[in-house]
Amino acid sequence: MSWFGGIIIKTDQSVPGGFEELPVTDQSSWFQRGKIKPFSGEYAGMSAKAGLITLEGGDIRFRMDGLAPPTSTSGHYMASGDTLLIIGTQALLQLRVIRVGEEDGLLTATYFF
């Protein structure tokens, strides 16, 4: 049997309950607050505890310290095809992204409540 690669997600009794796609352009952007802390629906009044984030298309840079947005040359680098598991509501709220190079990226998030 060979290793197929992948990620293991420990949800700690949380359930996947939200989904979002975010185009990443040459302007700093972030996920919608109303998706991380919904105002309506089954998870209204709750906060996402974690987010499974995948990237397609162009590479990006990100910051989640809440102090400044990333630039095309500053911040954590994420290559197309990478997966990131972010734990914590505040980290999800503070995540800021920007593309690197000419090709836009697409971040896909599943939120866990």
N, C-alpha and C. Protein backbone atom coordinates (compact mmCIF):
# COMPACT_ATOMS: atom_id res chain seq x y z
N MET A 1 0.86 -1.17 0.00
CA MET A 1 0.00 0.00 0.00
C MET A 1 0.90 1.23 0.00
N SER A 2 0.59 2.19 -0.84
CA SER A 2 1.42 3.39 -0.91
C SER A 2 0.68 4.60 -0.33
N TRP A 3 1.44 5.60 0.07
CA TRP A 3 0.89 6.84 0.60
C TRP A 3 0.30 7.65 -0.54
N PHE A 4 -0.88 8.19 -0.37
CA PHE A 4 -1.54 8.95 -1.42
C PHE A 4 -1.44 10.45 -1.19
N GLY A 5 -0.90 10.87 -0.07
CA GLY A 5 -0.85 12.29 0.27
C GLY A 5 -2.19 12.73 0.82
N GLY A 6 -2.26 13.94 1.33
CA GLY A 6 -3.53 14.45 1.83
C GLY A 6 -3.38 15.09 3.19
N ILE A 7 -4.52 15.37 3.81
CA ILE A 7 -4.56 16.05 5.08
C ILE A 7 -5.58 15.36 5.97
N ILE A 8 -5.30 15.31 7.24
CA ILE A 8 -6.23 14.77 8.23
C ILE A 8 -6.81 15.95 8.99
N ILE A 9 -8.12 16.01 9.10
CA ILE A 9 -8.77 17.11 9.81
C ILE A 9 -9.39 16.57 11.08
N LYS A 10 -8.96 17.09 12.22
CA LYS A 10 -9.56 16.74 13.50
C LYS A 10 -10.54 17.86 13.84
N THR A 11 -11.83 17.56 13.84
CA THR A 11 -12.83 18.61 13.98
C THR A 11 -13.23 18.90 15.42
N ASP A 12 -12.79 18.08 16.39
CA ASP A 12 -13.13 18.33 17.81
C ASP A 12 -14.61 18.61 18.01
N GLN A 13 -15.45 17.73 17.53
CA GLN A 13 -16.90 17.82 17.69
C GLN A 13 -17.54 18.92 16.85
N SER A 14 -16.79 19.62 16.02
CA SER A 14 -17.40 20.64 15.16
C SER A 14 -17.82 20.00 13.84
N VAL A 15 -18.71 20.69 13.14
CA VAL A 15 -19.23 20.17 11.89
C VAL A 15 -19.00 21.17 10.77
N PRO A 16 -18.78 20.69 9.54
CA PRO A 16 -18.68 21.62 8.42
C PRO A 16 -20.04 22.24 8.16
N GLY A 17 -20.09 23.58 8.17
CA GLY A 17 -21.38 24.22 8.04
C GLY A 17 -21.38 25.48 7.20
N GLY A 18 -20.29 25.79 6.57
CA GLY A 18 -20.23 26.98 5.73
C GLY A 18 -19.25 26.77 4.60
N PHE A 19 -19.47 27.48 3.51
CA PHE A 19 -18.63 27.34 2.32
C PHE A 19 -18.51 28.70 1.65
N GLU A 20 -17.32 28.99 1.12
CA GLU A 20 -17.11 30.28 0.45
C GLU A 20 -15.98 30.16 -0.56
N GLU A 21 -16.10 30.89 -1.66
CA GLU A 21 -15.02 31.00 -2.64
C GLU A 21 -14.63 32.47 -2.72
N LEU A 22 -13.32 32.73 -2.69
CA LEU A 22 -12.80 34.09 -2.69
C LEU A 22 -11.79 34.26 -3.81
N PRO A 23 -12.11 35.06 -4.83
CA PRO A 23 -11.11 35.36 -5.85
C PRO A 23 -10.01 36.21 -5.23
N VAL A 24 -8.76 35.92 -5.57
CA VAL A 24 -7.63 36.67 -5.03
C VAL A 24 -7.01 37.45 -6.19
N THR A 25 -7.07 38.77 -6.08
CA THR A 25 -6.60 39.66 -7.14
C THR A 25 -5.40 40.47 -6.65
N ASP A 26 -5.11 41.55 -7.36
CA ASP A 26 -3.99 42.41 -6.96
C ASP A 26 -4.36 43.41 -5.87
N GLN A 27 -5.59 43.29 -5.32
CA GLN A 27 -6.03 44.10 -4.19
C GLN A 27 -6.22 43.18 -2.98
N SER A 28 -5.75 43.61 -1.82
CA SER A 28 -5.90 42.81 -0.61
C SER A 28 -7.38 42.54 -0.34
N SER A 29 -7.70 41.29 -0.03
CA SER A 29 -9.09 40.92 0.23
C SER A 29 -9.15 39.92 1.38
N TRP A 30 -10.38 39.58 1.80
CA TRP A 30 -10.59 38.70 2.93
C TRP A 30 -11.93 38.00 2.77
N PHE A 31 -12.14 36.97 3.58
CA PHE A 31 -13.39 36.24 3.58
C PHE A 31 -14.50 37.08 4.23
N GLN A 32 -15.75 36.80 3.89
CA GLN A 32 -16.88 37.54 4.41
C GLN A 32 -17.11 37.25 5.89
N ARG A 33 -17.26 38.31 6.66
CA ARG A 33 -17.53 38.16 8.10
C ARG A 33 -18.81 37.37 8.35
N GLY A 34 -19.82 37.59 7.50
CA GLY A 34 -21.10 36.92 7.67
C GLY A 34 -21.05 35.42 7.39
N LYS A 35 -19.98 34.95 6.76
CA LYS A 35 -19.80 33.50 6.55
C LYS A 35 -19.10 32.89 7.77
N ILE A 36 -18.19 33.64 8.38
CA ILE A 36 -17.45 33.15 9.54
C ILE A 36 -18.30 33.26 10.80
N LYS A 37 -19.11 34.31 10.87
CA LYS A 37 -20.04 34.53 11.99
C LYS A 37 -21.42 34.82 11.38
N PRO A 38 -22.15 33.76 10.98
CA PRO A 38 -23.42 33.95 10.26
C PRO A 38 -24.49 34.66 11.09
N PHE A 39 -25.31 35.46 10.39
CA PHE A 39 -26.43 36.18 11.02
C PHE A 39 -27.74 35.42 10.87
N SER A 40 -27.78 34.47 9.93
CA SER A 40 -29.00 33.71 9.70
C SER A 40 -28.65 32.27 9.36
N GLY A 41 -29.67 31.44 9.31
CA GLY A 41 -29.47 30.04 8.97
C GLY A 41 -29.17 29.18 10.19
N GLU A 42 -28.82 27.95 9.92
CA GLU A 42 -28.62 26.95 10.97
C GLU A 42 -27.53 27.33 11.98
N TYR A 43 -26.52 28.08 11.54
CA TYR A 43 -25.39 28.41 12.40
C TYR A 43 -25.40 29.87 12.85
N ALA A 44 -26.57 30.53 12.76
CA ALA A 44 -26.70 31.93 13.16
C ALA A 44 -26.26 32.11 14.61
N GLY A 45 -25.48 33.15 14.85
CA GLY A 45 -25.02 33.44 16.20
C GLY A 45 -23.80 32.65 16.63
N MET A 46 -23.34 31.73 15.79
CA MET A 46 -22.15 30.92 16.10
C MET A 46 -20.96 31.50 15.35
N SER A 47 -19.77 31.07 15.75
CA SER A 47 -18.54 31.47 15.07
C SER A 47 -17.82 30.23 14.57
N ALA A 48 -17.30 30.31 13.36
CA ALA A 48 -16.51 29.19 12.84
C ALA A 48 -15.28 28.99 13.72
N LYS A 49 -15.01 27.75 14.07
CA LYS A 49 -13.86 27.40 14.90
C LYS A 49 -12.62 27.15 14.06
N ALA A 50 -12.84 26.79 12.78
CA ALA A 50 -11.73 26.45 11.89
C ALA A 50 -12.18 26.60 10.45
N GLY A 51 -11.20 26.67 9.56
CA GLY A 51 -11.49 26.74 8.14
C GLY A 51 -10.48 25.92 7.35
N LEU A 52 -10.97 25.08 6.46
CA LEU A 52 -10.13 24.33 5.54
C LEU A 52 -10.07 25.16 4.26
N ILE A 53 -8.87 25.61 3.90
CA ILE A 53 -8.67 26.54 2.79
C ILE A 53 -7.82 25.87 1.72
N THR A 54 -8.28 25.92 0.47
CA THR A 54 -7.48 25.41 -0.65
C THR A 54 -7.31 26.53 -1.68
N LEU A 55 -6.21 26.45 -2.44
CA LEU A 55 -5.90 27.47 -3.43
C LEU A 55 -5.74 26.86 -4.81
N GLU A 56 -6.40 27.49 -5.79
CA GLU A 56 -6.27 27.13 -7.20
C GLU A 56 -5.89 28.38 -7.97
N GLY A 57 -5.32 28.20 -9.15
CA GLY A 57 -4.97 29.34 -10.00
C GLY A 57 -3.60 29.89 -9.62
N GLY A 58 -3.50 31.21 -9.51
CA GLY A 58 -2.23 31.85 -9.19
C GLY A 58 -1.84 31.75 -7.73
N ASP A 59 -0.55 31.91 -7.47
CA ASP A 59 -0.02 31.88 -6.11
C ASP A 59 -0.40 33.16 -5.37
N ILE A 60 -0.38 33.09 -4.04
CA ILE A 60 -0.78 34.24 -3.22
C ILE A 60 0.19 34.44 -2.06
N ARG A 61 0.03 35.56 -1.38
CA ARG A 61 0.65 35.80 -0.08
C ARG A 61 -0.48 36.15 0.88
N PHE A 62 -0.27 35.82 2.17
CA PHE A 62 -1.29 36.12 3.16
C PHE A 62 -0.66 36.53 4.48
N ARG A 63 -1.44 37.28 5.23
CA ARG A 63 -1.11 37.64 6.62
C ARG A 63 -2.37 37.45 7.43
N MET A 64 -2.20 37.12 8.70
CA MET A 64 -3.36 37.01 9.59
C MET A 64 -3.08 37.60 10.96
N ASP A 65 -2.09 38.53 11.01
CA ASP A 65 -1.77 39.17 12.29
C ASP A 65 -2.66 40.37 12.59
N GLY A 66 -3.41 40.84 11.61
CA GLY A 66 -4.30 41.97 11.82
C GLY A 66 -3.61 43.32 11.84
N LEU A 67 -2.31 43.36 11.62
CA LEU A 67 -1.56 44.61 11.70
C LEU A 67 -1.45 45.33 10.36
N ALA A 68 -1.32 44.60 9.29
CA ALA A 68 -1.17 45.19 7.97
C ALA A 68 -1.56 44.16 6.92
N PRO A 69 -2.01 44.62 5.76
CA PRO A 69 -2.32 43.67 4.69
C PRO A 69 -1.03 43.15 4.05
N PRO A 70 -1.10 42.00 3.41
CA PRO A 70 0.08 41.50 2.70
C PRO A 70 0.32 42.32 1.44
N THR A 71 1.50 42.16 0.87
CA THR A 71 1.79 42.72 -0.44
C THR A 71 2.24 41.57 -1.33
N SER A 72 2.48 41.84 -2.58
CA SER A 72 2.91 40.78 -3.49
C SER A 72 4.31 40.26 -3.15
N THR A 73 5.02 40.96 -2.26
CA THR A 73 6.37 40.54 -1.86
C THR A 73 6.52 40.30 -0.36
N SER A 74 5.45 40.52 0.41
CA SER A 74 5.54 40.38 1.87
C SER A 74 4.34 39.61 2.40
N GLY A 75 4.60 38.65 3.23
CA GLY A 75 3.55 37.80 3.79
C GLY A 75 3.90 36.34 3.56
N HIS A 76 3.12 35.46 4.15
CA HIS A 76 3.32 34.03 3.94
C HIS A 76 2.97 33.69 2.49
N TYR A 77 3.78 32.83 1.88
CA TYR A 77 3.58 32.43 0.49
C TYR A 77 2.76 31.15 0.44
N MET A 78 1.77 31.11 -0.44
CA MET A 78 0.95 29.91 -0.65
C MET A 78 0.89 29.65 -2.15
N ALA A 79 1.31 28.47 -2.54
CA ALA A 79 1.34 28.10 -3.96
C ALA A 79 0.03 27.43 -4.37
N SER A 80 -0.34 27.61 -5.61
CA SER A 80 -1.52 26.96 -6.15
C SER A 80 -1.45 25.46 -5.88
N GLY A 81 -2.55 24.91 -5.40
CA GLY A 81 -2.61 23.49 -5.06
C GLY A 81 -2.41 23.23 -3.57
N ASP A 82 -1.96 24.25 -2.82
CA ASP A 82 -1.73 24.09 -1.38
C ASP A 82 -3.05 24.08 -0.62
N THR A 83 -3.02 23.45 0.56
CA THR A 83 -4.14 23.42 1.49
C THR A 83 -3.67 23.96 2.82
N LEU A 84 -4.52 24.72 3.48
CA LEU A 84 -4.21 25.36 4.75
C LEU A 84 -5.37 25.12 5.70
N LEU A 85 -5.08 24.68 6.90
CA LEU A 85 -6.10 24.54 7.93
C LEU A 85 -5.88 25.63 8.96
N ILE A 86 -6.84 26.53 9.08
CA ILE A 86 -6.73 27.64 10.03
C ILE A 86 -7.64 27.33 11.20
N ILE A 87 -7.06 27.35 12.40
CA ILE A 87 -7.80 27.09 13.63
C ILE A 87 -8.02 28.42 14.34
N GLY A 88 -9.25 28.71 14.70
CA GLY A 88 -9.56 29.91 15.48
C GLY A 88 -10.33 30.96 14.69
N THR A 89 -11.38 31.44 15.31
CA THR A 89 -12.23 32.45 14.69
C THR A 89 -11.46 33.72 14.37
N GLN A 90 -10.66 34.20 15.31
CA GLN A 90 -9.95 35.46 15.10
C GLN A 90 -8.96 35.35 13.94
N ALA A 91 -8.28 34.23 13.83
CA ALA A 91 -7.35 34.03 12.71
C ALA A 91 -8.10 34.06 11.38
N LEU A 92 -9.28 33.45 11.32
CA LEU A 92 -10.08 33.49 10.09
C LEU A 92 -10.52 34.91 9.76
N LEU A 93 -10.93 35.66 10.77
CA LEU A 93 -11.38 37.03 10.56
C LEU A 93 -10.25 37.96 10.11
N GLN A 94 -9.04 37.69 10.56
CA GLN A 94 -7.90 38.56 10.25
C GLN A 94 -7.13 38.16 9.01
N LEU A 95 -7.46 37.02 8.39
CA LEU A 95 -6.75 36.57 7.20
C LEU A 95 -6.93 37.56 6.05
N ARG A 96 -5.82 38.03 5.50
CA ARG A 96 -5.83 38.93 4.35
C ARG A 96 -4.97 38.31 3.26
N VAL A 97 -5.40 38.40 2.01
CA VAL A 97 -4.70 37.74 0.90
C VAL A 97 -4.50 38.70 -0.27
N ILE A 98 -3.49 38.41 -1.07
CA ILE A 98 -3.23 39.15 -2.31
C ILE A 98 -2.50 38.20 -3.26
N ARG A 99 -2.70 38.39 -4.55
CA ARG A 99 -2.04 37.51 -5.51
C ARG A 99 -0.56 37.88 -5.65
N VAL A 100 0.21 36.90 -6.14
CA VAL A 100 1.60 37.09 -6.49
C VAL A 100 1.68 36.88 -8.00
N GLY A 101 2.21 37.82 -8.73
CA GLY A 101 2.29 37.67 -10.18
C GLY A 101 1.03 38.16 -10.87
N GLU A 102 0.81 37.67 -12.08
CA GLU A 102 -0.27 38.17 -12.93
C GLU A 102 -1.55 37.36 -12.88
N GLU A 103 -1.49 36.12 -12.40
CA GLU A 103 -2.67 35.25 -12.41
C GLU A 103 -3.42 35.31 -11.09
N ASP A 104 -4.72 35.59 -11.16
CA ASP A 104 -5.56 35.58 -9.96
C ASP A 104 -5.64 34.16 -9.40
N GLY A 105 -5.81 34.07 -8.09
CA GLY A 105 -6.03 32.79 -7.44
C GLY A 105 -7.49 32.66 -7.02
N LEU A 106 -7.87 31.49 -6.59
CA LEU A 106 -9.20 31.26 -6.04
C LEU A 106 -9.04 30.45 -4.76
N LEU A 107 -9.42 31.07 -3.63
CA LEU A 107 -9.41 30.37 -2.35
C LEU A 107 -10.81 29.79 -2.12
N THR A 108 -10.85 28.54 -1.72
CA THR A 108 -12.10 27.88 -1.37
C THR A 108 -12.02 27.51 0.11
N ALA A 109 -13.05 27.88 0.86
CA ALA A 109 -13.06 27.63 2.31
C ALA A 109 -14.28 26.82 2.70
N THR A 110 -14.06 25.86 3.58
CA THR A 110 -15.14 25.19 4.30
C THR A 110 -14.95 25.54 5.76
N TYR A 111 -16.02 26.07 6.37
CA TYR A 111 -15.94 26.49 7.77
C TYR A 111 -16.54 25.42 8.66
N PHE A 112 -15.92 25.25 9.83
CA PHE A 112 -16.35 24.27 10.82
C PHE A 112 -16.89 24.99 12.05
N PHE A 113 -18.11 24.61 12.46
CA PHE A 113 -18.79 25.22 13.61
C PHE A 113 -18.91 24.25 14.76
